Amino acid sequence: MAFSYYIYYRVDPGKADECESVIHQVLEEVKRTTGIAGKLLRKRDEPLLWMEIYENVADDAKFEWELADIADRLNVKQCLVADTTRHVECFEH
């Protein structure tokens, strides 16, 4: 069984440029440590609502641990709108 992860969040308007750099670092680090190439999307007509997508994940527990560790180390939360979080959704296929 494989899994797909969809992580969405709202970016602080004053930190959007900085956040784009941080998220690209997250994507690179996730690929380096897990072999999963993610992508970053922005919602049409709402450019500060972002989503990372990671598909075909075989080991969900390991992936979730690595993703959380990378996001913590790169301090992704400092890019988000105050008092919000990254929402992680996982789907089976």
N, C-alpha and C. Protein backbone atom coordinates (compact mmCIF):
# COMPACT_ATOMS: atom_id res chain seq x y z
N MET A 1 0.84 -1.17 0.00
CA MET A 1 0.00 0.00 0.00
C MET A 1 0.89 1.24 0.00
N ALA A 2 0.45 2.27 -0.71
CA ALA A 2 1.18 3.53 -0.76
C ALA A 2 0.28 4.63 -0.20
N PHE A 3 0.91 5.72 0.19
CA PHE A 3 0.20 6.84 0.79
C PHE A 3 0.58 8.14 0.10
N SER A 4 -0.34 9.08 0.11
CA SER A 4 -0.08 10.44 -0.37
C SER A 4 -0.37 11.41 0.76
N TYR A 5 0.50 12.37 0.92
CA TYR A 5 0.38 13.38 1.99
C TYR A 5 0.11 14.74 1.37
N TYR A 6 -0.83 15.44 1.99
CA TYR A 6 -1.21 16.79 1.60
C TYR A 6 -1.11 17.65 2.85
N ILE A 7 -0.18 18.59 2.84
CA ILE A 7 0.05 19.45 4.00
C ILE A 7 -0.27 20.88 3.58
N TYR A 8 -1.27 21.48 4.22
CA TYR A 8 -1.65 22.83 3.83
C TYR A 8 -1.58 23.77 5.04
N TYR A 9 -1.37 25.06 4.73
CA TYR A 9 -1.16 26.06 5.77
C TYR A 9 -1.24 27.45 5.15
N ARG A 10 -1.43 28.43 6.03
CA ARG A 10 -1.47 29.84 5.61
C ARG A 10 -0.15 30.51 5.98
N VAL A 11 0.40 31.18 4.99
CA VAL A 11 1.69 31.85 5.14
C VAL A 11 1.48 33.29 5.58
N ASP A 12 2.30 33.73 6.52
CA ASP A 12 2.27 35.12 6.97
C ASP A 12 2.62 36.01 5.77
N PRO A 13 1.75 36.98 5.44
CA PRO A 13 2.00 37.83 4.26
C PRO A 13 3.35 38.54 4.29
N GLY A 14 3.82 38.92 5.45
CA GLY A 14 5.09 39.62 5.55
C GLY A 14 6.30 38.71 5.44
N LYS A 15 6.08 37.40 5.39
CA LYS A 15 7.19 36.45 5.36
C LYS A 15 7.13 35.52 4.14
N ALA A 16 6.31 35.85 3.17
CA ALA A 16 6.09 34.94 2.03
C ALA A 16 7.38 34.64 1.28
N ASP A 17 8.20 35.63 1.00
CA ASP A 17 9.44 35.39 0.26
C ASP A 17 10.38 34.49 1.05
N GLU A 18 10.55 34.81 2.33
CA GLU A 18 11.40 34.00 3.20
C GLU A 18 10.85 32.57 3.31
N CYS A 19 9.54 32.47 3.43
CA CYS A 19 8.91 31.17 3.59
C CYS A 19 9.10 30.30 2.34
N GLU A 20 9.05 30.90 1.18
CA GLU A 20 9.24 30.12 -0.04
C GLU A 20 10.61 29.44 -0.03
N SER A 21 11.60 30.17 0.41
CA SER A 21 12.95 29.60 0.51
C SER A 21 12.99 28.46 1.53
N VAL A 22 12.35 28.66 2.67
CA VAL A 22 12.32 27.63 3.72
C VAL A 22 11.62 26.38 3.22
N ILE A 23 10.49 26.53 2.56
CA ILE A 23 9.73 25.36 2.08
C ILE A 23 10.51 24.62 1.00
N HIS A 24 11.21 25.33 0.16
CA HIS A 24 12.05 24.63 -0.83
C HIS A 24 13.16 23.85 -0.14
N GLN A 25 13.67 24.37 0.97
CA GLN A 25 14.65 23.61 1.76
C GLN A 25 14.01 22.36 2.34
N VAL A 26 12.77 22.49 2.81
CA VAL A 26 12.03 21.32 3.33
C VAL A 26 11.91 20.27 2.24
N LEU A 27 11.47 20.68 1.05
CA LEU A 27 11.30 19.74 -0.05
C LEU A 27 12.62 19.04 -0.39
N GLU A 28 13.70 19.79 -0.43
CA GLU A 28 15.01 19.20 -0.73
C GLU A 28 15.44 18.22 0.35
N GLU A 29 15.25 18.60 1.60
CA GLU A 29 15.65 17.75 2.71
C GLU A 29 14.79 16.47 2.77
N VAL A 30 13.50 16.60 2.52
CA VAL A 30 12.63 15.42 2.49
C VAL A 30 13.08 14.47 1.39
N LYS A 31 13.38 15.01 0.23
CA LYS A 31 13.84 14.15 -0.88
C LYS A 31 15.15 13.48 -0.53
N ARG A 32 16.06 14.22 0.08
CA ARG A 32 17.36 13.66 0.45
C ARG A 32 17.24 12.55 1.48
N THR A 33 16.37 12.73 2.46
CA THR A 33 16.28 11.76 3.55
C THR A 33 15.31 10.62 3.29
N THR A 34 14.28 10.85 2.46
CA THR A 34 13.27 9.81 2.25
C THR A 34 13.20 9.29 0.82
N GLY A 35 13.77 10.05 -0.11
CA GLY A 35 13.67 9.69 -1.52
C GLY A 35 12.36 10.13 -2.16
N ILE A 36 11.49 10.79 -1.41
CA ILE A 36 10.20 11.24 -1.92
C ILE A 36 10.32 12.69 -2.38
N ALA A 37 10.03 12.92 -3.66
CA ALA A 37 10.07 14.28 -4.21
C ALA A 37 8.70 14.92 -4.03
N GLY A 38 8.67 15.98 -3.24
CA GLY A 38 7.43 16.70 -3.01
C GLY A 38 7.30 17.87 -3.95
N LYS A 39 6.15 18.51 -3.90
CA LYS A 39 5.95 19.73 -4.69
C LYS A 39 5.14 20.73 -3.86
N LEU A 40 5.31 21.98 -4.19
CA LEU A 40 4.63 23.07 -3.51
C LEU A 40 3.60 23.68 -4.45
N LEU A 41 2.38 23.85 -3.94
CA LEU A 41 1.30 24.49 -4.70
C LEU A 41 0.77 25.67 -3.90
N ARG A 42 0.20 26.63 -4.63
CA ARG A 42 -0.48 27.76 -4.01
C ARG A 42 -1.91 27.77 -4.53
N LYS A 43 -2.85 28.08 -3.65
CA LYS A 43 -4.25 28.07 -4.05
C LYS A 43 -4.54 29.22 -5.01
N ARG A 44 -5.24 28.90 -6.08
CA ARG A 44 -5.66 29.93 -7.03
C ARG A 44 -6.55 30.93 -6.30
N ASP A 45 -6.33 32.19 -6.54
CA ASP A 45 -7.10 33.29 -5.93
C ASP A 45 -6.88 33.43 -4.43
N GLU A 46 -5.96 32.66 -3.86
CA GLU A 46 -5.62 32.78 -2.44
C GLU A 46 -4.15 32.39 -2.29
N PRO A 47 -3.25 33.23 -2.79
CA PRO A 47 -1.84 32.85 -2.93
C PRO A 47 -1.08 32.60 -1.63
N LEU A 48 -1.66 32.93 -0.50
CA LEU A 48 -0.98 32.66 0.77
C LEU A 48 -1.45 31.37 1.43
N LEU A 49 -2.30 30.61 0.74
CA LEU A 49 -2.67 29.26 1.19
C LEU A 49 -1.84 28.28 0.36
N TRP A 50 -0.89 27.63 1.03
CA TRP A 50 0.07 26.77 0.36
C TRP A 50 -0.19 25.31 0.70
N MET A 51 0.24 24.44 -0.21
CA MET A 51 0.12 23.00 0.02
C MET A 51 1.36 22.29 -0.50
N GLU A 52 1.89 21.43 0.37
CA GLU A 52 2.96 20.51 -0.05
C GLU A 52 2.31 19.17 -0.33
N ILE A 53 2.74 18.52 -1.39
CA ILE A 53 2.22 17.20 -1.75
C ILE A 53 3.38 16.22 -1.86
N TYR A 54 3.22 15.08 -1.21
CA TYR A 54 4.20 14.00 -1.27
C TYR A 54 3.43 12.73 -1.62
N GLU A 55 3.79 12.08 -2.73
CA GLU A 55 3.03 10.92 -3.19
C GLU A 55 3.88 9.66 -3.19
N ASN A 56 3.18 8.54 -3.19
CA ASN A 56 3.79 7.21 -3.25
C ASN A 56 4.75 6.94 -2.09
N VAL A 57 4.30 7.26 -0.90
CA VAL A 57 5.06 7.00 0.32
C VAL A 57 4.76 5.58 0.77
N ALA A 58 5.79 4.76 0.90
CA ALA A 58 5.59 3.37 1.31
C ALA A 58 5.58 3.21 2.83
N ASP A 59 6.51 3.85 3.51
CA ASP A 59 6.64 3.73 4.97
C ASP A 59 6.09 5.00 5.61
N ASP A 60 4.80 4.98 5.92
CA ASP A 60 4.13 6.18 6.42
C ASP A 60 4.68 6.66 7.75
N ALA A 61 4.95 5.75 8.68
CA ALA A 61 5.44 6.14 10.01
C ALA A 61 6.80 6.83 9.91
N LYS A 62 7.71 6.25 9.14
CA LYS A 62 9.04 6.85 8.98
C LYS A 62 8.93 8.20 8.27
N PHE A 63 8.10 8.26 7.23
CA PHE A 63 7.95 9.51 6.50
C PHE A 63 7.41 10.62 7.41
N GLU A 64 6.38 10.32 8.18
CA GLU A 64 5.79 11.33 9.07
C GLU A 64 6.82 11.82 10.09
N TRP A 65 7.61 10.92 10.62
CA TRP A 65 8.63 11.32 11.59
C TRP A 65 9.66 12.23 10.92
N GLU A 66 10.15 11.82 9.75
CA GLU A 66 11.15 12.63 9.03
C GLU A 66 10.59 14.00 8.67
N LEU A 67 9.37 14.04 8.15
CA LEU A 67 8.76 15.31 7.76
C LEU A 67 8.62 16.25 8.95
N ALA A 68 8.14 15.74 10.07
CA ALA A 68 7.98 16.57 11.27
C ALA A 68 9.34 17.07 11.77
N ASP A 69 10.34 16.20 11.76
CA ASP A 69 11.67 16.57 12.20
C ASP A 69 12.25 17.68 11.32
N ILE A 70 12.12 17.53 10.03
CA ILE A 70 12.65 18.53 9.09
C ILE A 70 11.94 19.86 9.27
N ALA A 71 10.61 19.83 9.36
CA ALA A 71 9.85 21.07 9.55
C ALA A 71 10.24 21.77 10.86
N ASP A 72 10.48 20.99 11.91
CA ASP A 72 10.91 21.57 13.19
C ASP A 72 12.31 22.18 13.07
N ARG A 73 13.24 21.43 12.49
CA ARG A 73 14.62 21.92 12.37
C ARG A 73 14.71 23.19 11.53
N LEU A 74 13.89 23.29 10.49
CA LEU A 74 13.92 24.46 9.62
C LEU A 74 12.96 25.56 10.09
N ASN A 75 12.32 25.32 11.23
CA ASN A 75 11.44 26.31 11.88
C ASN A 75 10.35 26.83 10.94
N VAL A 76 9.68 25.91 10.28
CA VAL A 76 8.61 26.28 9.35
C VAL A 76 7.52 27.08 10.04
N LYS A 77 7.25 26.80 11.30
CA LYS A 77 6.16 27.49 11.99
C LYS A 77 6.35 29.01 12.03
N GLN A 78 7.58 29.50 11.94
CA GLN A 78 7.80 30.94 11.95
C GLN A 78 7.30 31.61 10.67
N CYS A 79 7.02 30.83 9.64
CA CYS A 79 6.51 31.35 8.38
C CYS A 79 4.98 31.46 8.35
N LEU A 80 4.32 30.81 9.28
CA LEU A 80 2.86 30.71 9.24
C LEU A 80 2.18 31.92 9.88
N VAL A 81 0.95 32.12 9.50
CA VAL A 81 0.12 33.12 10.16
C VAL A 81 0.07 32.77 11.64
N ALA A 82 0.14 33.78 12.50
CA ALA A 82 0.14 33.56 13.95
C ALA A 82 -1.02 32.68 14.39
N ASP A 83 -0.73 31.80 15.32
CA ASP A 83 -1.73 30.90 15.92
C ASP A 83 -2.36 29.93 14.93
N THR A 84 -1.62 29.59 13.86
CA THR A 84 -2.09 28.57 12.93
C THR A 84 -1.05 27.44 12.86
N THR A 85 -1.44 26.34 12.26
CA THR A 85 -0.54 25.19 12.14
C THR A 85 -0.57 24.64 10.73
N ARG A 86 0.34 23.73 10.48
CA ARG A 86 0.32 22.96 9.23
C ARG A 86 -0.66 21.80 9.43
N HIS A 87 -1.56 21.63 8.50
CA HIS A 87 -2.56 20.56 8.56
C HIS A 87 -2.08 19.42 7.65
N VAL A 88 -1.91 18.24 8.23
CA VAL A 88 -1.41 17.08 7.49
C VAL A 88 -2.57 16.11 7.25
N GLU A 89 -2.78 15.79 5.98
CA GLU A 89 -3.78 14.79 5.60
C GLU A 89 -3.07 13.69 4.84
N CYS A 90 -3.45 12.44 5.12
CA CYS A 90 -2.83 11.28 4.48
C CYS A 90 -3.92 10.43 3.84
N PHE A 91 -3.71 10.06 2.58
CA PHE A 91 -4.67 9.23 1.84
C PHE A 91 -3.98 7.97 1.36
N GLU A 92 -4.72 6.85 1.40
CA GLU A 92 -4.22 5.56 0.91
C GLU A 92 -4.55 5.40 -0.56
N HIS A 93 -3.68 4.66 -1.26
CA HIS A 93 -4.04 4.27 -2.63
C HIS A 93 -3.38 2.97 -2.98
